[in-house]
Protein backbone atom coordinates (compact mmCIF):
# COMPACT_ATOMS: atom_id res chain seq x y z
CA MET A 1 -9.87 -14.08 29.65
CA ALA A 2 -12.08 -16.71 28.02
CA ALA A 3 -14.48 -13.98 26.87
CA LYS A 4 -11.64 -12.04 25.24
CA THR A 5 -10.42 -15.17 23.48
CA SER A 6 -13.94 -15.86 22.24
CA ASP A 7 -14.28 -12.28 20.97
CA MET A 8 -10.94 -12.54 19.20
CA ARG A 9 -11.95 -15.76 17.47
CA LYS A 10 -15.26 -14.21 16.48
CA ASN A 11 -13.53 -11.13 15.04
CA LEU A 12 -11.01 -13.24 13.14
CA PHE A 13 -13.84 -15.31 11.66
CA ILE A 14 -15.73 -12.18 10.60
CA LEU A 15 -12.54 -10.68 9.17
CA SER A 16 -11.70 -13.78 7.12
CA SER A 17 -15.31 -14.02 5.90
CA LEU A 18 -15.29 -10.39 4.74
CA VAL A 19 -11.94 -10.82 2.97
CA ASN A 20 -13.23 -13.97 1.24
CA ARG A 21 -16.41 -12.14 0.19
CA ASP A 22 -14.50 -9.20 -1.29
CA PHE A 23 -12.10 -11.49 -3.13
CA LYS A 24 -14.95 -13.39 -4.77
CA LEU A 25 -16.84 -10.21 -5.65
CA LYS A 26 -13.76 -8.64 -7.24
CA TYR A 27 -13.39 -11.39 -9.81
CA ARG A 28 -17.01 -12.45 -10.22
CA ARG A 29 -18.09 -12.74 -13.87
CA SER A 30 -14.53 -12.05 -15.03
CA PHE A 31 -13.26 -14.38 -17.75
CA LEU A 32 -9.60 -14.19 -16.66
CA GLY A 33 -10.40 -13.89 -12.96
CA VAL A 34 -7.39 -13.57 -10.66
CA LEU A 35 -5.06 -13.38 -13.68
CA TRP A 36 -6.01 -9.70 -13.90
CA SER A 37 -4.05 -9.11 -10.69
CA VAL A 38 -0.93 -10.15 -12.60
CA LEU A 39 -1.88 -8.70 -16.00
CA ASN A 40 -2.88 -5.24 -14.73
CA PRO A 41 0.54 -4.25 -13.32
CA LEU A 42 2.26 -5.74 -16.38
CA LEU A 43 0.05 -3.84 -18.84
CA MET A 44 0.38 -0.60 -16.89
CA MET A 45 4.14 -1.14 -16.73
CA LEU A 46 4.32 -1.54 -20.52
CA VAL A 47 2.35 1.66 -21.15
CA MET A 48 4.29 3.74 -18.62
CA THR A 49 7.62 2.31 -19.80
CA ALA A 50 6.79 3.37 -23.35
CA VAL A 51 5.95 6.88 -22.16
CA PHE A 52 8.66 7.56 -19.60
CA ALA A 53 11.57 5.46 -20.87
CA HIS A 54 11.20 6.37 -24.54
CA ILE A 55 9.38 9.70 -24.73
CA PHE A 56 10.80 11.36 -21.60
CA LYS A 57 13.98 9.23 -21.90
CA TYR A 58 14.69 8.68 -18.21
CA ASP A 59 18.03 6.91 -18.04
CA ILE A 60 17.30 4.25 -15.39
CA PRO A 61 18.78 0.75 -15.73
CA ALA A 62 16.09 -1.96 -15.91
CA PHE A 63 13.49 0.81 -16.03
CA ALA A 64 10.49 -1.52 -16.29
CA LEU A 65 11.54 -3.31 -13.09
CA TYR A 66 12.20 0.02 -11.36
CA LEU A 67 8.73 1.13 -12.45
CA ILE A 68 6.73 -1.96 -11.50
CA LEU A 69 8.26 -2.12 -8.01
CA GLY A 70 7.14 1.42 -7.29
CA GLN A 71 3.85 0.98 -9.08
CA VAL A 72 2.57 -2.13 -7.27
CA LEU A 73 3.46 -0.76 -3.84
CA PHE A 74 1.89 2.66 -4.40
CA ASN A 75 -1.22 1.13 -5.99
CA TYR A 76 -1.58 -1.13 -2.95
CA MET A 77 -1.57 1.83 -0.57
CA SER A 78 -3.89 3.84 -2.83
CA ALA A 79 -6.45 1.03 -3.28
CA ALA A 80 -6.34 0.01 0.40
CA SER A 81 -6.89 3.57 1.62
CA THR A 82 -9.62 4.31 -0.94
CA ASN A 83 -11.53 1.13 -0.10
CA GLY A 84 -10.97 1.81 3.59
CA LEU A 85 -12.53 5.23 3.09
CA TRP A 86 -15.80 3.62 1.99
CA SER A 87 -15.64 0.72 4.46
CA ILE A 88 -17.92 2.12 7.18
CA ILE A 89 -20.38 3.81 4.83
CA GLY A 90 -20.60 0.67 2.68
CA SER A 91 -21.29 -1.49 5.74
CA ALA A 92 -24.05 0.76 7.12
CA ALA A 93 -26.76 -1.90 6.84
CA LEU A 94 -24.72 -4.42 8.83
CA ILE A 95 -23.65 -1.86 11.44
CA LYS A 96 -27.29 -0.89 12.06
CA LYS A 97 -28.48 -4.47 12.42
CA ILE A 98 -25.95 -6.15 14.68
CA ARG A 99 -23.35 -5.26 17.28
CA ILE A 100 -19.98 -5.69 15.59
CA GLU A 101 -16.42 -4.42 15.96
CA LYS A 102 -16.44 -1.56 13.45
CA LEU A 103 -12.66 -1.45 13.20
CA LEU A 104 -12.83 -4.75 11.29
CA PHE A 105 -14.27 -3.08 8.20
CA PRO A 106 -11.35 -0.78 7.26
CA VAL A 107 -8.83 -3.44 8.34
CA GLU A 108 -10.56 -5.98 6.10
CA LYS A 109 -10.29 -3.67 3.09
CA VAL A 110 -6.54 -3.37 3.61
CA ILE A 111 -6.08 -7.13 3.98
CA SER A 112 -8.16 -7.74 0.84
CA GLU A 113 -5.84 -5.44 -1.09
CA LEU A 114 -2.85 -7.21 0.47
CA VAL A 115 -4.11 -10.45 -1.08
CA ASN A 116 -4.38 -8.68 -4.44
CA LEU A 117 -0.87 -7.29 -3.97
CA ALA A 118 0.48 -10.79 -3.35
CA LEU A 119 -1.00 -11.85 -6.69
CA SER A 120 0.33 -8.73 -8.43
CA LEU A 121 3.84 -9.46 -7.17
CA ILE A 122 3.88 -12.57 -9.38
CA ALA A 123 4.59 -10.13 -12.23
CA VAL A 124 7.83 -8.95 -10.60
CA PRO A 125 9.87 -12.17 -11.11
CA LEU A 126 8.78 -12.17 -14.76
CA VAL A 127 10.29 -8.72 -15.24
CA MET A 128 13.39 -9.74 -13.27
CA VAL A 129 13.90 -12.69 -15.64
CA TYR A 130 13.58 -10.36 -18.64
CA TYR A 131 16.34 -8.10 -17.29
CA HIS A 132 18.45 -11.02 -16.01
CA VAL A 133 18.26 -9.68 -12.46
CA VAL A 134 19.24 -12.49 -10.10
CA PRO A 135 17.69 -12.18 -6.64
CA THR A 136 19.96 -12.46 -3.61
CA TRP A 137 19.13 -13.84 -0.17
CA ARG A 138 18.00 -10.31 0.67
CA ILE A 139 14.75 -11.01 -1.17
CA VAL A 140 13.53 -12.59 2.08
CA MET A 141 13.23 -9.04 3.45
CA VAL A 142 10.29 -8.28 1.12
CA PRO A 143 7.69 -9.29 3.77
CA LEU A 144 9.23 -6.70 6.10
CA VAL A 145 8.52 -3.77 3.80
CA LEU A 146 5.04 -5.17 3.10
CA ILE A 147 4.39 -5.18 6.85
CA TYR A 148 5.48 -1.53 7.06
CA VAL A 149 3.16 -0.49 4.22
CA THR A 150 0.27 -2.58 5.56
CA ILE A 151 0.48 -0.99 9.01
CA PHE A 152 0.64 2.44 7.37
CA ALA A 153 -2.34 1.63 5.12
CA ILE A 154 -4.43 0.40 8.05
CA GLY A 155 -3.83 3.66 9.90
CA LEU A 156 -4.73 5.65 6.80
CA ALA A 157 -7.87 3.56 6.19
CA LEU A 158 -8.99 4.11 9.79
CA VAL A 159 -8.64 7.88 9.49
CA LEU A 160 -10.36 8.09 6.10
CA GLY A 161 -13.09 5.61 7.01
CA ALA A 162 -13.96 7.64 10.11
CA LEU A 163 -13.81 11.05 8.44
CA ALA A 164 -15.89 9.96 5.44
CA VAL A 165 -18.80 9.08 7.73
CA PHE A 166 -19.11 12.73 8.83
CA PHE A 167 -17.66 14.52 5.79
CA ARG A 168 -18.55 12.87 2.49
CA ASP A 169 -16.38 15.44 0.68
CA VAL A 170 -13.38 13.42 1.86
CA ALA A 171 -14.27 10.80 -0.75
CA HIS A 172 -13.97 13.36 -3.56
CA LEU A 173 -10.83 15.01 -2.22
CA TRP A 174 -8.95 11.76 -1.66
CA GLY A 175 -8.76 11.00 -5.37
CA VAL A 176 -7.02 14.33 -5.94
CA VAL A 177 -4.69 13.75 -2.98
CA THR A 178 -3.62 10.29 -4.20
CA LEU A 179 -3.01 11.65 -7.71
CA ALA A 180 -0.80 14.45 -6.38
CA TRP A 181 0.88 11.97 -4.02
CA MET A 182 1.68 9.66 -6.93
CA TYR A 183 3.42 12.43 -8.87
CA LEU A 184 5.34 13.51 -5.77
CA THR A 185 6.65 9.95 -5.32
CA PRO A 186 9.52 8.72 -7.56
CA ILE A 187 7.59 5.88 -9.18
CA PHE A 188 8.43 6.56 -12.82
CA TYR A 189 11.27 9.08 -12.51
CA PRO A 190 14.67 8.98 -10.80
CA TYR A 191 15.29 10.81 -7.57
CA PRO A 192 17.00 13.14 -7.04
CA MET A 193 17.14 15.09 -10.29
CA PRO A 194 18.82 18.52 -10.61
CA THR A 195 15.70 19.95 -12.26
CA PHE A 196 13.52 19.31 -9.21
CA PRO A 197 12.12 22.43 -7.54
CA ALA A 198 13.46 23.13 -4.06
CA ILE A 199 10.02 22.49 -2.54
CA VAL A 200 9.99 18.89 -3.88
CA LYS A 201 13.41 18.21 -2.39
CA LEU A 202 12.18 19.66 0.89
CA VAL A 203 8.98 17.59 0.99
CA MET A 204 10.34 14.25 -0.29
CA PRO A 205 11.98 13.10 3.00
CA PHE A 206 8.56 13.46 4.66
CA ASN A 207 6.84 11.27 2.05
CA PRO A 208 6.40 7.79 3.61
CA MET A 209 5.79 6.15 0.22
CA TYR A 210 9.15 7.43 -1.01
CA HIS A 211 10.85 5.57 1.84
CA PHE A 212 8.77 2.39 1.42
CA ILE A 213 9.37 2.22 -2.35
CA THR A 214 13.08 3.00 -2.03
CA TYR A 215 13.38 0.23 0.55
CA PHE A 216 11.55 -2.19 -1.75
CA ARG A 217 13.77 -1.37 -4.72
CA ASP A 218 16.93 -1.64 -2.64
CA ILE A 219 16.29 -5.22 -1.58
CA VAL A 220 14.88 -6.44 -4.91
CA MET A 221 16.91 -4.54 -7.52
CA PHE A 222 20.09 -3.54 -5.78
CA GLY A 223 20.47 -6.32 -3.19
CA VAL A 224 21.81 -4.30 -0.29
CA THR A 225 20.95 -4.46 3.41
CA PRO A 226 22.37 -3.17 6.70
CA PHE A 227 24.00 -6.60 7.19
CA ASP A 228 26.22 -6.31 4.13
CA GLY A 229 29.73 -5.51 5.35
CA ALA A 230 31.14 -5.03 1.87
CA ALA A 231 30.25 -1.36 1.70
CA PRO A 232 30.43 1.33 4.40
CA TYR A 233 27.11 2.92 3.41
CA VAL A 234 24.44 0.49 2.31
CA THR A 235 20.70 0.81 2.15
CA PRO A 236 18.22 0.12 3.56
CA THR A 237 20.11 0.94 6.75
CA LEU A 238 18.85 0.53 10.28
CA ARG A 239 17.94 4.21 10.06
CA ASP A 240 15.84 3.49 6.95
CA ASN A 241 14.08 0.69 8.81
CA GLY A 242 13.45 3.08 11.69
CA ILE A 243 11.96 5.69 9.35
CA CYS A 244 9.67 3.14 7.66
CA LEU A 245 8.54 1.55 10.92
CA GLY A 246 8.16 4.96 12.58
CA ALA A 247 5.98 6.32 9.74
CA ALA A 248 3.83 3.18 9.85
CA LEU A 249 3.33 3.23 13.62
CA ILE A 250 2.62 6.97 13.73
CA MET A 251 -0.04 6.59 11.05
CA LEU A 252 -1.54 3.61 12.87
CA ALA A 253 -1.63 5.52 16.18
CA ILE A 254 -3.36 8.48 14.52
CA GLY A 255 -5.83 6.15 12.83
CA LEU A 256 -6.72 4.35 16.05
CA LEU A 257 -7.11 7.64 17.91
CA VAL A 258 -9.42 9.18 15.29
CA PHE A 259 -11.42 5.99 14.78
CA ARG A 260 -11.96 5.13 18.46
CA ARG A 261 -13.01 8.68 19.32
CA SER A 262 -15.65 8.79 16.60
CA GLU A 263 -16.95 5.22 16.15
CA LYS A 264 -19.76 5.58 18.73
CA ARG A 265 -21.38 8.24 16.53
CA PHE A 266 -21.14 6.30 13.25
CA ILE A 267 -24.65 4.86 13.60
CA LEU A 268 -26.10 8.39 13.68
CA TYR A 269 -24.57 9.36 10.32
CA VAL A 270 -24.35 6.22 8.19
């Protein structure tokens, strides 16, 4: 028992050290430093709002807020999974030198991006103020959806990190997958729309990011939860919570299975 506690403390120390290292490296030699975590989503929001709200004329109330909520959450998953993909390969020198829990590397990449997400979310209240959106007590549910997405991202990072060790093509393919995934997720367009092809309507319920982002928007923009007795059908319902948690846990289980079955051979390929 004492040995397990010691190992846990050691792993937590290594994890926090790696997160701290990545955070410092990300903003090293940057004039604005961590402010870029707030400015980036705001600048991207302005560009995409100009394109989709004015050129494509999507009629969505408080479009910029709708956009940034979907944008920051999807970007978090995308960055966490992409960095997780390179986590084992990028740590090859350390893995070859010392005995270390390899699972820490993809997990650390996700946590590092979670820190960046927390900074990016500072932009959300600024947009809410602009649109005069007053948060309700339901805003306290934001950590819940972040937990769902983080669990999902860890599972994804474990799968990608393991596969990339043996198949470097995964690194090239993942960029295409995330691009297609972004367009298949209602980040900058309303869903559903009558013009959607039948295949999109068929696939959308199986898109975890659609459920995570919808949940996020519901509690921030629309202020509804399963505890609100004012309406008979409110979202996110307990069913929505079940879908989000289920998708996260399934992805985590797949990630752990793939990673644990292949980690002993990492040293032969990195």
